Amino acid sequence: MSDEEGEQAPGAASDPGEQRRLQRRLDQALAGMVLYERPWCPFCMRVNLTLRSLGIEIERVDIGADPEAARRLEAEGGKRMVPCLYIPDSGSGQWLYESADIIAYLRALVEEMAPSGEG
């Protein structure tokens, strides 16, 4: 007799189908998001660490290597500052600057998609 049988990590979804549904919902919420960044920027690195820890993959654009992306960032976002997360929205979309704000937004998004605690 083993105490380990049937145990799961806290917060883990027991149903693989539910896990896939949650992942699809998250993928839909992330669709079209773009992180404008520079590889050497410590604030960009901070956002990238958060993306990895949350298991999020979004398009990332180095504005130093992509002059057109840098122009778009400045023209549409209003500043040539990184990191900047472009969030597609009805209309013109949103441009979210500041690493702490980007991290808070992404964490809230993941929490919103996660199943609520039982009880």
Protein backbone atom coordinates (compact mmCIF):
# COMPACT_ATOMS: atom_id res chain seq x y z
CA MET A 1 0.00 0.00 0.00
CA SER A 2 1.47 3.34 -1.05
CA ASP A 3 0.51 6.79 0.21
CA GLU A 4 1.66 8.23 -3.11
CA GLU A 5 -1.04 6.59 -5.21
CA GLY A 6 -3.64 9.03 -6.46
CA GLU A 7 -1.85 12.11 -5.14
CA GLN A 8 -1.44 15.21 -7.29
CA ALA A 9 0.38 18.46 -6.98
CA PRO A 10 -1.78 21.18 -5.42
CA GLY A 11 -3.63 23.16 -8.07
CA ALA A 12 -2.95 20.62 -10.82
CA ALA A 13 -5.91 19.89 -13.07
CA SER A 14 -6.75 16.21 -12.81
CA ASP A 15 -8.47 16.04 -16.20
CA PRO A 16 -6.12 16.24 -19.21
CA GLY A 17 -9.08 17.43 -21.28
CA GLU A 18 -9.59 20.32 -18.86
CA GLN A 19 -5.89 21.17 -19.07
CA ARG A 20 -6.16 21.33 -22.87
CA ARG A 21 -9.27 23.54 -22.67
CA LEU A 22 -7.51 25.90 -20.27
CA GLN A 23 -4.45 26.03 -22.53
CA ARG A 24 -6.64 26.82 -25.55
CA ARG A 25 -8.35 29.65 -23.63
CA LEU A 26 -4.96 31.05 -22.63
CA ASP A 27 -3.63 30.72 -26.19
CA GLN A 28 -6.68 32.63 -27.47
CA ALA A 29 -6.15 35.37 -24.89
CA LEU A 30 -2.47 35.66 -25.90
CA ALA A 31 -3.12 35.60 -29.66
CA GLY A 32 -1.70 38.65 -31.37
CA MET A 33 0.27 39.89 -28.36
CA VAL A 34 3.76 41.11 -29.17
CA LEU A 35 6.55 41.93 -26.74
CA TYR A 36 8.83 44.67 -28.07
CA GLU A 37 12.23 44.29 -26.45
CA ARG A 38 16.02 44.53 -26.62
CA PRO A 39 18.05 41.43 -25.62
CA TRP A 40 20.42 43.38 -23.35
CA CYS A 41 17.66 45.26 -21.49
CA PRO A 42 17.42 44.10 -17.84
CA PHE A 43 13.72 45.02 -17.68
CA CYS A 44 13.05 42.96 -20.81
CA MET A 45 14.95 40.06 -19.23
CA ARG A 46 12.70 40.34 -16.19
CA VAL A 47 9.58 40.09 -18.37
CA ASN A 48 11.06 37.14 -20.26
CA LEU A 49 11.77 35.29 -17.01
CA THR A 50 8.13 35.78 -16.05
CA LEU A 51 6.96 34.53 -19.44
CA ARG A 52 9.04 31.39 -18.94
CA SER A 53 7.87 30.83 -15.37
CA LEU A 54 4.22 31.18 -16.45
CA GLY A 55 4.74 28.93 -19.47
CA ILE A 56 3.64 31.67 -21.86
CA GLU A 57 4.91 31.96 -25.41
CA ILE A 58 4.18 35.13 -27.35
CA GLU A 59 5.80 36.82 -30.30
CA ARG A 60 8.89 38.82 -29.31
CA VAL A 61 10.47 41.50 -31.47
CA ASP A 62 13.93 43.00 -30.99
CA ILE A 63 13.52 46.64 -32.00
CA GLY A 64 17.27 46.91 -32.55
CA ALA A 65 17.20 44.21 -35.23
CA ASP A 66 13.85 45.23 -36.72
CA PRO A 67 13.72 48.95 -37.63
CA GLU A 68 10.14 48.65 -38.89
CA ALA A 69 9.04 47.27 -35.52
CA ALA A 70 10.84 50.15 -33.78
CA ARG A 71 8.97 52.64 -35.99
CA ARG A 72 5.66 50.95 -35.28
CA LEU A 73 6.33 50.96 -31.54
CA GLU A 74 7.04 54.68 -31.56
CA ALA A 75 4.27 55.66 -34.01
CA GLU A 76 1.48 53.57 -32.49
CA GLY A 77 2.63 53.15 -28.90
CA GLY A 78 3.84 56.71 -28.50
CA LYS A 79 7.31 55.90 -27.15
CA ARG A 80 10.37 54.02 -28.29
CA MET A 81 10.78 52.35 -24.93
CA VAL A 82 11.13 48.67 -24.08
CA PRO A 83 9.78 46.45 -22.83
CA CYS A 84 6.40 47.15 -24.32
CA LEU A 85 3.59 44.64 -24.65
CA TYR A 86 1.18 45.17 -27.51
CA ILE A 87 -2.25 43.81 -26.57
CA PRO A 88 -4.63 43.49 -29.51
CA ASP A 89 -7.99 44.91 -28.69
CA SER A 90 -10.98 46.09 -30.62
CA GLY A 91 -9.84 49.25 -32.32
CA SER A 92 -6.20 50.22 -32.12
CA GLY A 93 -5.02 47.88 -29.36
CA GLN A 94 -3.20 48.75 -26.17
CA TRP A 95 0.47 49.43 -25.61
CA LEU A 96 1.60 48.47 -22.11
CA TYR A 97 4.95 49.86 -20.98
CA GLU A 98 6.86 49.23 -17.74
CA SER A 99 8.06 45.75 -16.88
CA ALA A 100 6.19 45.62 -13.56
CA ASP A 101 2.90 46.49 -15.29
CA ILE A 102 3.50 43.91 -18.02
CA ILE A 103 4.32 41.23 -15.45
CA ALA A 104 1.25 42.06 -13.37
CA TYR A 105 -0.96 41.96 -16.47
CA LEU A 106 0.38 38.56 -17.58
CA ARG A 107 0.08 37.04 -14.10
CA ALA A 108 -3.50 38.30 -13.78
CA LEU A 109 -4.32 36.87 -17.19
CA VAL A 110 -3.00 33.44 -16.22
CA GLU A 111 -4.85 33.55 -12.88
CA GLU A 112 -8.06 34.51 -14.66
CA MET A 113 -7.74 31.48 -16.93
CA ALA A 114 -6.90 29.06 -14.14
CA PRO A 115 -9.70 27.14 -12.49
CA SER A 116 -10.84 28.76 -9.27
CA GLY A 117 -9.96 27.08 -6.02
CA GLU A 118 -12.32 24.47 -4.70
CA GLY A 119 -14.18 25.30 -1.58
